[in-house]
Structure formats: structure tokens, C-alpha cells
Amino acid sequence: MPAECYKTVLLFGAPGVGKGTQGRILGSIPGFFHLSCGEVFRSLDIHSPEGKIVYETTSQGNFVPDDLTIKIWKKSLQGQAALSNYKPHEDLLVLDGLPRNVKQVELVKEHIDVQRIIYLICSDEESMMHRIRRRAIRENRVDDANESIIRHRFDIYHEQTQPVLESYPQELIAQIDAMGSPAEVLQSVLSQLIPVQNEHFSRLGRKF
């Protein structure tokens, strides 16, 4: 039996650029379902074998091993579908934090049908560092609290994650300036995603 292939929008960008903020807002709009791999990792029991590995790697600013990442992601998404929080045949999946490297692009290829990539851009790395520090205090996130770990995460992003964009057709990629207010950024994001959602609903024969 072929694997389930989810109609997907990827949220892409450097640490602290605002992927989580935009994803949560989109997830509140009917027809979109937001899944953050980072939030899935943080929800794991750190005393479980998987949770221990995830905690040890992310707390050092490193990526969780690829095979384990995909295993946890699939299990979480299937659980959300079983609870009917996510309806795969109706909702567009807004995926935040995956794929994080070129190998993961191959690992998820059979599972996601990428409709659009929202590439949030901020050239001011110090501004993103400030956002991450504030997030560490607000959300009590260990992986955001240490500046050397944050800078290590930026290095990994530039070395391993940015090349992911080269794995997809350039016409799928929409560059969005992430330096405005959340509402301004959302307006730009929706200008790209409303046509995608309308086309998706049209294929389903569905109207609001």
C-alpha cells in the first residue's frame, strides 16, 4: 500500500525568524493544520528512550538524528489524524521544522506533496538572536538560553538547512520579509497561500 502523501506548505527560515508565530496563526485558520517538529520534540517524555536522545541533542543546538526525526514526526501526525485534529484529505499541512537537511528531503519525499515554500527572511541575525532570548524566557526553552548554543544553531542552519531550498523547484519558493509586525508578515504569507488553498479546495469540490 502506498504511503499517505500530505498536501503540504513548508515554513522555512533561520532560527528566530518567526516560523512558529506564523505557523500557529495559520493553524487557527480553517483548512490549515500546523505541525511544529520542535514542539513535537519538546512534548516528548525526556525519560523515554526517544525523549532522552531528543533532549540531549537539541539542548546542545544539534539536530536530532534523521531517522528518529522522521519516525517521531510520522507518529505525531498520524496521532493528530486519528484524533481528527488533522484531516489529511481536507487540510493543508503547514510543516514547520522539517526537512532540516538534504537527507530529510529524501526521507519525507514519499510523505509530503509540497505546494508552496514560505521562506521567511531576516538579514539581521542579531535581531533574531534577541527574539530567541526573549522566547527562552517566555517559554522556558533550554535550547534558547545559551548564546553559544544559539550561534551553533545558526551555523548548522547555514551549513545544512539552507541547501534544502535547492532541492525544490524555485517556483515553489516565496520569499517573505520577516522584519515587519506579525500581522504584516501574515498578510504577505496569506497572499501566497490563499491561492494555494483555493486551488486545493477547488480540487476537492469544496467551498466556504
N, C-alpha and C. Protein backbone atom coordinates (compact mmCIF):
# COMPACT_ATOMS: atom_id res chain seq x y z
N MET A 1 0.85 -1.21 0.00
CA MET A 1 0.00 0.00 0.00
C MET A 1 0.88 1.25 0.00
N PRO A 2 0.65 2.23 -0.89
CA PRO A 2 1.48 3.43 -0.91
C PRO A 2 1.28 4.25 0.35
N ALA A 3 2.35 4.98 0.72
CA ALA A 3 2.28 5.81 1.92
C ALA A 3 1.34 6.99 1.69
N GLU A 4 0.74 7.48 2.77
CA GLU A 4 -0.09 8.68 2.69
C GLU A 4 0.78 9.84 2.25
N CYS A 5 0.29 10.63 1.30
CA CYS A 5 1.05 11.78 0.81
C CYS A 5 0.25 13.03 1.12
N TYR A 6 0.78 13.87 1.98
CA TYR A 6 0.05 15.01 2.52
C TYR A 6 0.32 16.27 1.70
N LYS A 7 -0.75 16.98 1.33
CA LYS A 7 -0.60 18.28 0.68
C LYS A 7 -0.01 19.25 1.71
N THR A 8 1.14 19.83 1.38
CA THR A 8 1.95 20.49 2.41
C THR A 8 2.46 21.85 1.99
N VAL A 9 2.49 22.75 2.97
CA VAL A 9 3.19 24.04 2.86
C VAL A 9 4.35 23.99 3.85
N LEU A 10 5.55 24.31 3.38
CA LEU A 10 6.71 24.34 4.27
C LEU A 10 6.97 25.76 4.75
N LEU A 11 7.16 25.90 6.07
CA LEU A 11 7.64 27.16 6.63
C LEU A 11 9.15 27.03 6.80
N PHE A 12 9.87 27.96 6.19
CA PHE A 12 11.32 27.82 6.11
C PHE A 12 11.98 29.13 6.55
N GLY A 13 13.14 29.00 7.20
CA GLY A 13 13.88 30.19 7.61
C GLY A 13 14.79 29.90 8.78
N ALA A 14 15.64 30.86 9.10
CA ALA A 14 16.63 30.70 10.16
C ALA A 14 15.97 30.65 11.54
N PRO A 15 16.70 30.18 12.55
CA PRO A 15 16.17 30.21 13.92
C PRO A 15 15.75 31.62 14.32
N GLY A 16 14.59 31.74 14.95
CA GLY A 16 14.13 33.03 15.44
C GLY A 16 13.47 33.92 14.42
N VAL A 17 13.28 33.43 13.19
CA VAL A 17 12.74 34.29 12.13
C VAL A 17 11.22 34.45 12.22
N GLY A 18 10.57 33.58 13.01
CA GLY A 18 9.13 33.74 13.19
C GLY A 18 8.29 32.63 12.60
N LYS A 19 8.91 31.48 12.29
CA LYS A 19 8.16 30.37 11.70
C LYS A 19 7.05 29.89 12.64
N GLY A 20 7.39 29.76 13.93
CA GLY A 20 6.41 29.27 14.90
C GLY A 20 5.23 30.21 15.05
N THR A 21 5.51 31.52 15.09
CA THR A 21 4.44 32.51 15.21
C THR A 21 3.48 32.43 14.03
N GLN A 22 4.03 32.43 12.83
CA GLN A 22 3.19 32.36 11.64
C GLN A 22 2.47 31.02 11.55
N GLY A 23 3.15 29.96 11.91
CA GLY A 23 2.53 28.64 11.87
C GLY A 23 1.34 28.53 12.80
N ARG A 24 1.49 29.06 14.01
CA ARG A 24 0.37 29.00 14.97
C ARG A 24 -0.83 29.80 14.48
N ILE A 25 -0.56 30.96 13.87
CA ILE A 25 -1.67 31.76 13.34
C ILE A 25 -2.36 31.02 12.20
N LEU A 26 -1.57 30.49 11.27
CA LEU A 26 -2.15 29.74 10.15
C LEU A 26 -2.95 28.54 10.64
N GLY A 27 -2.45 27.90 11.69
CA GLY A 27 -3.13 26.72 12.22
C GLY A 27 -4.49 27.02 12.82
N SER A 28 -4.76 28.30 13.11
CA SER A 28 -6.06 28.68 13.66
C SER A 28 -7.08 28.98 12.55
N ILE A 29 -6.61 28.96 11.29
CA ILE A 29 -7.48 29.25 10.15
C ILE A 29 -8.02 27.94 9.58
N PRO A 30 -9.33 27.81 9.41
CA PRO A 30 -9.88 26.57 8.85
C PRO A 30 -9.22 26.20 7.53
N GLY A 31 -8.90 24.93 7.39
CA GLY A 31 -8.28 24.45 6.16
C GLY A 31 -6.78 24.32 6.24
N PHE A 32 -6.18 24.83 7.35
CA PHE A 32 -4.75 24.67 7.58
C PHE A 32 -4.54 23.89 8.87
N PHE A 33 -3.53 23.04 8.89
CA PHE A 33 -3.13 22.37 10.13
C PHE A 33 -1.64 22.55 10.31
N HIS A 34 -1.25 23.19 11.43
CA HIS A 34 0.16 23.49 11.69
C HIS A 34 0.77 22.41 12.56
N LEU A 35 1.92 21.91 12.13
CA LEU A 35 2.69 20.97 12.95
C LEU A 35 4.12 21.45 13.04
N SER A 36 4.56 21.75 14.26
CA SER A 36 5.93 22.17 14.52
C SER A 36 6.72 20.98 15.05
N CYS A 37 7.76 20.60 14.33
CA CYS A 37 8.59 19.47 14.80
C CYS A 37 9.26 19.81 16.13
N GLY A 38 9.63 21.07 16.31
CA GLY A 38 10.24 21.47 17.57
C GLY A 38 9.28 21.26 18.73
N GLU A 39 8.02 21.64 18.55
CA GLU A 39 7.03 21.46 19.61
C GLU A 39 6.77 19.99 19.87
N VAL A 40 6.78 19.18 18.81
CA VAL A 40 6.61 17.73 18.99
C VAL A 40 7.75 17.18 19.82
N PHE A 41 8.98 17.59 19.51
CA PHE A 41 10.14 17.12 20.28
C PHE A 41 10.02 17.53 21.75
N ARG A 42 9.62 18.78 21.98
CA ARG A 42 9.56 19.28 23.37
C ARG A 42 8.43 18.62 24.17
N SER A 43 7.47 18.03 23.48
CA SER A 43 6.36 17.38 24.17
C SER A 43 6.69 15.96 24.61
N LEU A 44 7.83 15.43 24.15
CA LEU A 44 8.20 14.06 24.49
C LEU A 44 8.59 13.93 25.96
N ASP A 45 8.34 12.78 26.52
CA ASP A 45 8.79 12.46 27.87
C ASP A 45 10.31 12.29 27.83
N ILE A 46 11.04 13.17 28.52
CA ILE A 46 12.50 13.14 28.45
C ILE A 46 13.09 11.89 29.11
N HIS A 47 12.26 11.14 29.80
CA HIS A 47 12.74 9.90 30.42
C HIS A 47 12.56 8.69 29.50
N SER A 48 11.86 8.89 28.38
CA SER A 48 11.71 7.81 27.40
C SER A 48 12.98 7.73 26.56
N PRO A 49 13.24 6.58 25.93
CA PRO A 49 14.45 6.47 25.09
C PRO A 49 14.51 7.53 24.00
N GLU A 50 13.38 7.77 23.31
CA GLU A 50 13.36 8.78 22.25
C GLU A 50 13.53 10.17 22.83
N GLY A 51 12.80 10.44 23.93
CA GLY A 51 12.87 11.76 24.54
C GLY A 51 14.25 12.10 25.05
N LYS A 52 14.96 11.11 25.56
CA LYS A 52 16.31 11.34 26.07
C LYS A 52 17.25 11.74 24.95
N ILE A 53 17.17 11.04 23.81
CA ILE A 53 18.02 11.38 22.66
C ILE A 53 17.71 12.78 22.16
N VAL A 54 16.41 13.09 22.03
CA VAL A 54 15.99 14.41 21.54
C VAL A 54 16.48 15.49 22.48
N TYR A 55 16.31 15.32 23.77
CA TYR A 55 16.72 16.34 24.73
C TYR A 55 18.23 16.56 24.68
N GLU A 56 18.99 15.48 24.64
CA GLU A 56 20.45 15.60 24.65
C GLU A 56 20.98 16.31 23.41
N THR A 57 20.36 16.06 22.25
CA THR A 57 20.85 16.68 21.02
C THR A 57 20.38 18.13 20.89
N THR A 58 19.10 18.39 21.14
CA THR A 58 18.59 19.75 20.96
C THR A 58 19.14 20.71 22.00
N SER A 59 19.42 20.23 23.21
CA SER A 59 19.94 21.12 24.25
C SER A 59 21.37 21.57 23.94
N GLN A 60 22.02 20.88 22.99
CA GLN A 60 23.35 21.28 22.54
C GLN A 60 23.31 22.05 21.23
N GLY A 61 22.09 22.26 20.72
CA GLY A 61 21.94 23.00 19.47
C GLY A 61 22.11 22.15 18.24
N ASN A 62 22.12 20.82 18.39
CA ASN A 62 22.30 19.92 17.26
C ASN A 62 20.96 19.38 16.76
N PHE A 63 20.98 18.77 15.58
CA PHE A 63 19.78 18.17 15.01
C PHE A 63 19.59 16.76 15.56
N VAL A 64 18.35 16.38 15.76
CA VAL A 64 18.00 15.02 16.12
C VAL A 64 18.34 14.13 14.92
N PRO A 65 18.85 12.91 15.15
CA PRO A 65 19.16 12.01 14.03
C PRO A 65 18.00 11.89 13.05
N ASP A 66 18.32 11.84 11.77
CA ASP A 66 17.30 11.93 10.72
C ASP A 66 16.22 10.85 10.83
N ASP A 67 16.62 9.60 10.96
CA ASP A 67 15.63 8.52 11.00
C ASP A 67 14.70 8.66 12.20
N LEU A 68 15.25 9.08 13.34
CA LEU A 68 14.42 9.26 14.54
C LEU A 68 13.48 10.45 14.34
N THR A 69 13.97 11.51 13.71
CA THR A 69 13.12 12.67 13.43
C THR A 69 11.90 12.28 12.62
N ILE A 70 12.12 11.53 11.54
CA ILE A 70 11.01 11.13 10.67
C ILE A 70 10.06 10.20 11.41
N LYS A 71 10.60 9.28 12.20
CA LYS A 71 9.76 8.35 12.96
C LYS A 71 8.84 9.11 13.92
N ILE A 72 9.40 10.08 14.66
CA ILE A 72 8.62 10.85 15.64
C ILE A 72 7.59 11.71 14.92
N TRP A 73 8.00 12.33 13.81
CA TRP A 73 7.09 13.19 13.04
C TRP A 73 5.90 12.40 12.52
N LYS A 74 6.15 11.25 11.91
CA LYS A 74 5.07 10.43 11.37
C LYS A 74 4.12 9.98 12.48
N LYS A 75 4.68 9.56 13.60
CA LYS A 75 3.85 9.09 14.71
C LYS A 75 2.96 10.22 15.22
N SER A 76 3.51 11.43 15.35
CA SER A 76 2.73 12.57 15.83
C SER A 76 1.62 12.93 14.86
N LEU A 77 1.96 12.98 13.57
CA LEU A 77 0.97 13.37 12.56
C LEU A 77 -0.16 12.34 12.48
N GLN A 78 0.20 11.07 12.53
CA GLN A 78 -0.81 10.03 12.50
C GLN A 78 -1.71 10.10 13.73
N GLY A 79 -1.12 10.46 14.87
CA GLY A 79 -1.92 10.62 16.09
C GLY A 79 -2.90 11.77 15.97
N GLN A 80 -2.46 12.89 15.38
CA GLN A 80 -3.34 14.03 15.19
C GLN A 80 -4.48 13.69 14.22
N ALA A 81 -4.15 12.89 13.21
CA ALA A 81 -5.19 12.47 12.26
C ALA A 81 -6.19 11.53 12.93
N ALA A 82 -5.69 10.63 13.79
CA ALA A 82 -6.58 9.69 14.49
C ALA A 82 -7.55 10.43 15.40
N LEU A 83 -7.10 11.57 15.96
CA LEU A 83 -7.95 12.38 16.83
C LEU A 83 -8.85 13.34 16.04
N SER A 84 -8.70 13.33 14.71
CA SER A 84 -9.44 14.22 13.81
C SER A 84 -9.09 15.69 14.00
N ASN A 85 -7.95 15.96 14.66
CA ASN A 85 -7.46 17.34 14.71
C ASN A 85 -6.92 17.74 13.34
N TYR A 86 -6.36 16.78 12.65
CA TYR A 86 -5.85 16.98 11.29
C TYR A 86 -6.60 16.05 10.36
N LYS A 87 -7.17 16.64 9.31
CA LYS A 87 -7.92 15.86 8.32
C LYS A 87 -7.12 15.87 7.02
N PRO A 88 -6.31 14.83 6.78
CA PRO A 88 -5.37 14.83 5.66
C PRO A 88 -5.99 15.09 4.30
N HIS A 89 -7.21 14.66 4.08
CA HIS A 89 -7.81 14.82 2.75
C HIS A 89 -8.47 16.18 2.57
N GLU A 90 -8.51 16.98 3.65
CA GLU A 90 -9.12 18.31 3.57
C GLU A 90 -8.13 19.43 3.88
N ASP A 91 -7.32 19.23 4.91
CA ASP A 91 -6.45 20.31 5.39
C ASP A 91 -5.13 20.35 4.64
N LEU A 92 -4.61 21.56 4.47
CA LEU A 92 -3.23 21.73 4.03
C LEU A 92 -2.34 21.66 5.27
N LEU A 93 -1.35 20.79 5.23
CA LEU A 93 -0.41 20.65 6.33
C LEU A 93 0.62 21.78 6.27
N VAL A 94 0.72 22.56 7.33
CA VAL A 94 1.73 23.62 7.43
C VAL A 94 2.85 23.05 8.30
N LEU A 95 3.94 22.71 7.66
CA LEU A 95 5.02 21.97 8.32
C LEU A 95 6.16 22.92 8.66
N ASP A 96 6.49 22.95 9.94
CA ASP A 96 7.49 23.87 10.48
C ASP A 96 8.61 23.05 11.11
N GLY A 97 9.84 23.17 10.55
CA GLY A 97 10.98 22.48 11.14
C GLY A 97 11.36 21.18 10.46
N LEU A 98 10.81 20.91 9.30
CA LEU A 98 11.12 19.70 8.56
C LEU A 98 10.83 19.96 7.08
N PRO A 99 11.72 19.55 6.19
CA PRO A 99 13.02 18.90 6.40
C PRO A 99 14.10 19.91 6.78
N ARG A 100 15.05 19.45 7.58
CA ARG A 100 16.11 20.34 8.06
C ARG A 100 17.44 20.11 7.37
N ASN A 101 17.52 19.09 6.54
CA ASN A 101 18.73 18.88 5.74
C ASN A 101 18.34 18.12 4.47
N VAL A 102 19.30 17.97 3.57
CA VAL A 102 19.00 17.39 2.27
C VAL A 102 18.60 15.92 2.41
N LYS A 103 19.20 15.21 3.36
CA LYS A 103 18.81 13.80 3.55
C LYS A 103 17.34 13.70 3.95
N GLN A 104 16.89 14.60 4.81
CA GLN A 104 15.49 14.58 5.23
C GLN A 104 14.55 14.89 4.08
N VAL A 105 15.00 15.67 3.12
CA VAL A 105 14.19 15.93 1.92
C VAL A 105 13.84 14.60 1.26
N GLU A 106 14.83 13.72 1.15
CA GLU A 106 14.61 12.42 0.53
C GLU A 106 13.73 11.54 1.41
N LEU A 107 13.92 11.60 2.72
CA LEU A 107 13.17 10.74 3.63
C LEU A 107 11.68 11.09 3.68
N VAL A 108 11.36 12.37 3.46
CA VAL A 108 9.94 12.77 3.54
C VAL A 108 9.29 12.87 2.16
N LYS A 109 10.06 12.63 1.11
CA LYS A 109 9.55 12.85 -0.25
C LYS A 109 8.28 12.05 -0.53
N GLU A 110 8.21 10.81 -0.04
CA GLU A 110 7.05 9.98 -0.32
C GLU A 110 5.85 10.34 0.56
N HIS A 111 6.08 11.19 1.56
CA HIS A 111 5.01 11.51 2.51
C HIS A 111 4.39 12.89 2.30
N ILE A 112 5.11 13.83 1.66
CA ILE A 112 4.58 15.18 1.51
C ILE A 112 4.61 15.61 0.05
N ASP A 113 3.54 16.27 -0.36
CA ASP A 113 3.42 16.86 -1.69
C ASP A 113 3.47 18.38 -1.48
N VAL A 114 4.64 18.97 -1.69
CA VAL A 114 4.88 20.37 -1.35
C VAL A 114 4.19 21.29 -2.35
N GLN A 115 3.26 22.10 -1.85
CA GLN A 115 2.51 23.04 -2.68
C GLN A 115 3.17 24.42 -2.74
N ARG A 116 3.79 24.83 -1.63
CA ARG A 116 4.45 26.13 -1.57
C ARG A 116 5.44 26.12 -0.41
N ILE A 117 6.55 26.84 -0.58
CA ILE A 117 7.53 27.02 0.49
C ILE A 117 7.55 28.49 0.87
N ILE A 118 7.18 28.79 2.10
CA ILE A 118 7.23 30.16 2.62
C ILE A 118 8.58 30.37 3.27
N TYR A 119 9.43 31.12 2.60
CA TYR A 119 10.80 31.35 3.05
C TYR A 119 10.86 32.71 3.75
N LEU A 120 10.83 32.67 5.07
CA LEU A 120 10.89 33.90 5.87
C LEU A 120 12.33 34.36 5.98
N ILE A 121 12.56 35.61 5.60
CA ILE A 121 13.93 36.14 5.51
C ILE A 121 14.13 37.31 6.47
N CYS A 122 15.22 37.24 7.20
CA CYS A 122 15.65 38.36 8.05
C CYS A 122 17.17 38.41 7.98
N SER A 123 17.71 39.51 7.46
CA SER A 123 19.16 39.63 7.29
C SER A 123 19.85 40.06 8.58
N ASP A 124 19.07 40.48 9.57
CA ASP A 124 19.63 40.97 10.83
C ASP A 124 19.69 39.82 11.84
N GLU A 125 20.82 39.12 11.88
CA GLU A 125 20.96 37.96 12.75
C GLU A 125 20.86 38.35 14.22
N GLU A 126 21.35 39.53 14.56
CA GLU A 126 21.28 39.96 15.97
C GLU A 126 19.83 40.14 16.41
N SER A 127 18.99 40.62 15.51
CA SER A 127 17.57 40.76 15.83
C SER A 127 16.95 39.40 16.12
N MET A 128 17.33 38.40 15.32
CA MET A 128 16.82 37.05 15.55
C MET A 128 17.36 36.48 16.85
N MET A 129 18.60 36.79 17.18
CA MET A 129 19.18 36.35 18.46
C MET A 129 18.36 36.93 19.61
N HIS A 130 17.97 38.20 19.48
CA HIS A 130 17.17 38.85 20.52
C HIS A 130 15.82 38.16 20.66
N ARG A 131 15.19 37.84 19.54
CA ARG A 131 13.91 37.13 19.57
C ARG A 131 14.04 35.79 20.31
N ILE A 132 15.12 35.07 20.03
CA ILE A 132 15.32 33.76 20.63
C ILE A 132 15.53 33.88 22.13
N ARG A 133 16.28 34.89 22.55
CA ARG A 133 16.48 35.07 24.00
C ARG A 133 15.17 35.38 24.69
N ARG A 134 14.34 36.23 24.09
CA ARG A 134 13.03 36.52 24.68
C ARG A 134 12.17 35.27 24.75
N ARG A 135 12.25 34.45 23.70
CA ARG A 135 11.47 33.21 23.67
C ARG A 135 11.93 32.26 24.77
N ALA A 136 13.24 32.24 25.04
CA ALA A 136 13.77 31.36 26.08
C ALA A 136 13.15 31.69 27.43
N ILE A 137 13.00 33.00 27.70
CA ILE A 137 12.42 33.43 28.98
C ILE A 137 10.92 33.14 29.00
N ARG A 138 10.24 33.46 27.90
CA ARG A 138 8.78 33.33 27.84
C ARG A 138 8.33 31.88 27.88
N GLU A 139 9.07 30.99 27.19
CA GLU A 139 8.63 29.60 27.04
C GLU A 139 9.50 28.62 27.82
N ASN A 140 10.46 29.15 28.59
CA ASN A 140 11.35 28.29 29.40
C ASN A 140 12.01 27.22 28.54
N ARG A 141 12.61 27.66 27.43
CA ARG A 141 13.23 26.73 26.49
C ARG A 141 14.74 26.69 26.71
N VAL A 142 15.21 25.53 27.14
CA VAL A 142 16.63 25.35 27.46
C VAL A 142 17.50 25.60 26.24
N ASP A 143 17.04 25.14 25.06
CA ASP A 143 17.86 25.24 23.86
C ASP A 143 18.00 26.67 23.37
N ASP A 144 17.22 27.60 23.93
CA ASP A 144 17.29 29.01 23.52
C ASP A 144 18.03 29.89 24.53
N ALA A 145 18.51 29.32 25.60
CA ALA A 145 19.01 30.14 26.71
C ALA A 145 20.50 30.46 26.62
N ASN A 146 21.27 29.68 25.91
CA ASN A 146 22.72 29.82 25.87
C ASN A 146 23.16 30.40 24.54
N GLU A 147 23.87 31.53 24.58
CA GLU A 147 24.22 32.22 23.33
C GLU A 147 25.12 31.38 22.44
N SER A 148 26.07 30.64 23.02
CA SER A 148 26.96 29.83 22.19
C SER A 148 26.18 28.73 21.47
N ILE A 149 25.16 28.18 22.14
CA ILE A 149 24.31 27.16 21.52
C ILE A 149 23.49 27.77 20.40
N ILE A 150 22.97 29.00 20.64
CA ILE A 150 22.19 29.68 19.61
C ILE A 150 23.04 29.91 18.36
N ARG A 151 24.27 30.39 18.55
CA ARG A 151 25.14 30.65 17.41
C ARG A 151 25.50 29.35 16.70
N HIS A 152 25.65 28.28 17.47
CA HIS A 152 25.90 26.97 16.85
C HIS A 152 24.72 26.56 15.98
N ARG A 153 23.50 26.83 16.44
CA ARG A 153 22.31 26.51 15.66
C ARG A 153 22.28 27.30 14.35
N PHE A 154 22.73 28.57 14.39
CA PHE A 154 22.80 29.36 13.16
C PHE A 154 23.82 28.76 12.19
N ASP A 155 24.96 28.31 12.73
CA ASP A 155 25.98 27.70 11.87
C ASP A 155 25.43 26.45 11.18
N ILE A 156 24.72 25.62 11.95
CA ILE A 156 24.13 24.41 11.37
C ILE A 156 23.08 24.76 10.34
N TYR A 157 22.29 25.80 10.63
CA TYR A 157 21.28 26.24 9.65
C TYR A 157 21.92 26.60 8.32
N HIS A 158 22.98 27.41 8.37
CA HIS A 158 23.64 27.85 7.13
C HIS A 158 24.29 26.67 6.40
N GLU A 159 24.87 25.74 7.17
CA GLU A 159 25.59 24.63 6.56
C GLU A 159 24.67 23.53 6.04
N GLN A 160 23.60 23.23 6.78
CA GLN A 160 22.80 22.04 6.47
C GLN A 160 21.38 22.34 6.00
N THR A 161 20.76 23.41 6.53
CA THR A 161 19.34 23.63 6.23
C THR A 161 19.13 24.49 4.99
N GLN A 162 19.89 25.56 4.84
CA GLN A 162 19.70 26.41 3.67
C GLN A 162 19.80 25.65 2.34
N PRO A 163 20.72 24.67 2.23
CA PRO A 163 20.79 23.91 0.96
C PRO A 163 19.51 23.14 0.62
N VAL A 164 18.62 22.97 1.60
CA VAL A 164 17.34 22.29 1.34
C VAL A 164 16.58 22.99 0.22
N LEU A 165 16.68 24.32 0.17
CA LEU A 165 15.94 25.08 -0.84
C LEU A 165 16.31 24.69 -2.26
N GLU A 166 17.54 24.23 -2.44
CA GLU A 166 17.99 23.84 -3.78
C GLU A 166 17.37 22.52 -4.23
N SER A 167 16.72 21.81 -3.28
CA SER A 167 16.12 20.52 -3.61
C SER A 167 14.71 20.65 -4.17
N TYR A 168 14.17 21.87 -4.17
CA TYR A 168 12.79 22.07 -4.62
C TYR A 168 12.77 23.04 -5.81
N PRO A 169 11.77 22.92 -6.68
CA PRO A 169 11.65 23.86 -7.79
C PRO A 169 11.55 25.30 -7.27
N GLN A 170 12.28 26.19 -7.89
CA GLN A 170 12.34 27.57 -7.40
C GLN A 170 10.99 28.27 -7.48
N GLU A 171 10.11 27.82 -8.39
CA GLU A 171 8.80 28.48 -8.49
C GLU A 171 7.91 28.18 -7.29
N LEU A 172 8.28 27.20 -6.48
CA LEU A 172 7.51 26.90 -5.27
C LEU A 172 7.88 27.82 -4.11
N ILE A 173 9.01 28.51 -4.21
CA ILE A 173 9.56 29.26 -3.09
C ILE A 173 9.10 30.71 -3.13
N ALA A 174 8.46 31.16 -2.05
CA ALA A 174 8.02 32.55 -1.91
C ALA A 174 8.83 33.19 -0.80
N GLN A 175 9.62 34.20 -1.14
CA GLN A 175 10.43 34.90 -0.14
C GLN A 175 9.60 35.98 0.53
N ILE A 176 9.57 35.94 1.86
CA ILE A 176 8.77 36.87 2.65
C ILE A 176 9.68 37.61 3.63
N ASP A 177 9.58 38.94 3.64
CA ASP A 177 10.32 39.75 4.59
C ASP A 177 9.73 39.54 5.99
N ALA A 178 10.55 39.02 6.90
CA ALA A 178 10.07 38.67 8.23
C ALA A 178 10.26 39.79 9.25
N MET A 179 10.67 40.98 8.82
CA MET A 179 11.00 42.04 9.76
C MET A 179 9.82 42.91 10.16
N GLY A 180 8.67 42.72 9.54
CA GLY A 180 7.50 43.51 9.92
C GLY A 180 6.83 42.97 11.17
N SER A 181 5.69 43.55 11.53
CA SER A 181 4.91 43.04 12.64
C SER A 181 4.35 41.67 12.25
N PRO A 182 3.96 40.85 13.23
CA PRO A 182 3.35 39.56 12.88
C PRO A 182 2.18 39.69 11.92
N ALA A 183 1.37 40.75 12.08
CA ALA A 183 0.21 40.95 11.19
C ALA A 183 0.68 41.28 9.77
N GLU A 184 1.71 42.11 9.65
CA GLU A 184 2.22 42.46 8.32
C GLU A 184 2.81 41.24 7.63
N VAL A 185 3.58 40.45 8.39
CA VAL A 185 4.16 39.24 7.81
C VAL A 185 3.06 38.27 7.40
N LEU A 186 2.04 38.13 8.27
CA LEU A 186 0.92 37.24 7.96
C LEU A 186 0.23 37.66 6.66
N GLN A 187 0.06 38.95 6.47
CA GLN A 187 -0.59 39.44 5.25
C GLN A 187 0.19 38.98 4.01
N SER A 188 1.52 39.06 4.09
CA SER A 188 2.35 38.62 2.97
C SER A 188 2.27 37.11 2.78
N VAL A 189 2.27 36.39 3.89
CA VAL A 189 2.18 34.93 3.82
C VAL A 189 0.85 34.51 3.20
N LEU A 190 -0.24 35.12 3.64
CA LEU A 190 -1.56 34.76 3.12
C LEU A 190 -1.71 35.10 1.64
N SER A 191 -1.03 36.15 1.20
CA SER A 191 -1.10 36.49 -0.23
C SER A 191 -0.55 35.36 -1.08
N GLN A 192 0.35 34.57 -0.51
CA GLN A 192 0.91 33.41 -1.21
C GLN A 192 0.07 32.15 -1.02
N LEU A 193 -0.55 32.01 0.15
CA LEU A 193 -1.21 30.75 0.48
C LEU A 193 -2.70 30.71 0.13
N ILE A 194 -3.36 31.87 0.06
CA ILE A 194 -4.78 31.85 -0.29
C ILE A 194 -5.00 31.22 -1.67
N PRO A 195 -4.22 31.57 -2.69
CA PRO A 195 -4.42 30.89 -3.98
C PRO A 195 -4.17 29.39 -3.90
N VAL A 196 -3.19 28.98 -3.09
CA VAL A 196 -2.90 27.56 -2.93
C VAL A 196 -4.08 26.86 -2.27
N GLN A 197 -4.63 27.48 -1.23
CA GLN A 197 -5.77 26.88 -0.54
C GLN A 197 -7.00 26.85 -1.44
N ASN A 198 -7.22 27.92 -2.19
CA ASN A 198 -8.38 27.94 -3.10
C ASN A 198 -8.28 26.84 -4.14
N GLU A 199 -7.09 26.63 -4.67
CA GLU A 199 -6.91 25.57 -5.67
C GLU A 199 -7.14 24.20 -5.04
N HIS A 200 -6.64 24.04 -3.80
CA HIS A 200 -6.83 22.77 -3.08
C HIS A 200 -8.31 22.49 -2.86
N PHE A 201 -9.05 23.50 -2.40
CA PHE A 201 -10.48 23.33 -2.17
C PHE A 201 -11.23 23.07 -3.48
N SER A 202 -10.76 23.72 -4.55
CA SER A 202 -11.40 23.53 -5.84
C SER A 202 -11.28 22.08 -6.30
N ARG A 203 -10.12 21.47 -6.06
CA ARG A 203 -9.93 20.06 -6.42
C ARG A 203 -10.85 19.16 -5.60
N LEU A 204 -11.12 19.59 -4.37
CA LEU A 204 -11.99 18.79 -3.50
C LEU A 204 -13.47 19.04 -3.79
N GLY A 205 -13.75 20.06 -4.63
CA GLY A 205 -15.13 20.45 -4.88
C GLY A 205 -15.76 21.09 -3.67
N ARG A 206 -14.93 21.78 -2.88
CA ARG A 206 -15.39 22.37 -1.62
C ARG A 206 -15.34 23.88 -1.69
N LYS A 207 -16.35 24.53 -1.10
CA LYS A 207 -16.37 25.97 -0.99
C LYS A 207 -16.76 26.35 0.45
N PHE A 208 -16.25 27.52 0.87
CA PHE A 208 -16.68 28.04 2.19
C PHE A 208 -18.05 28.70 2.04
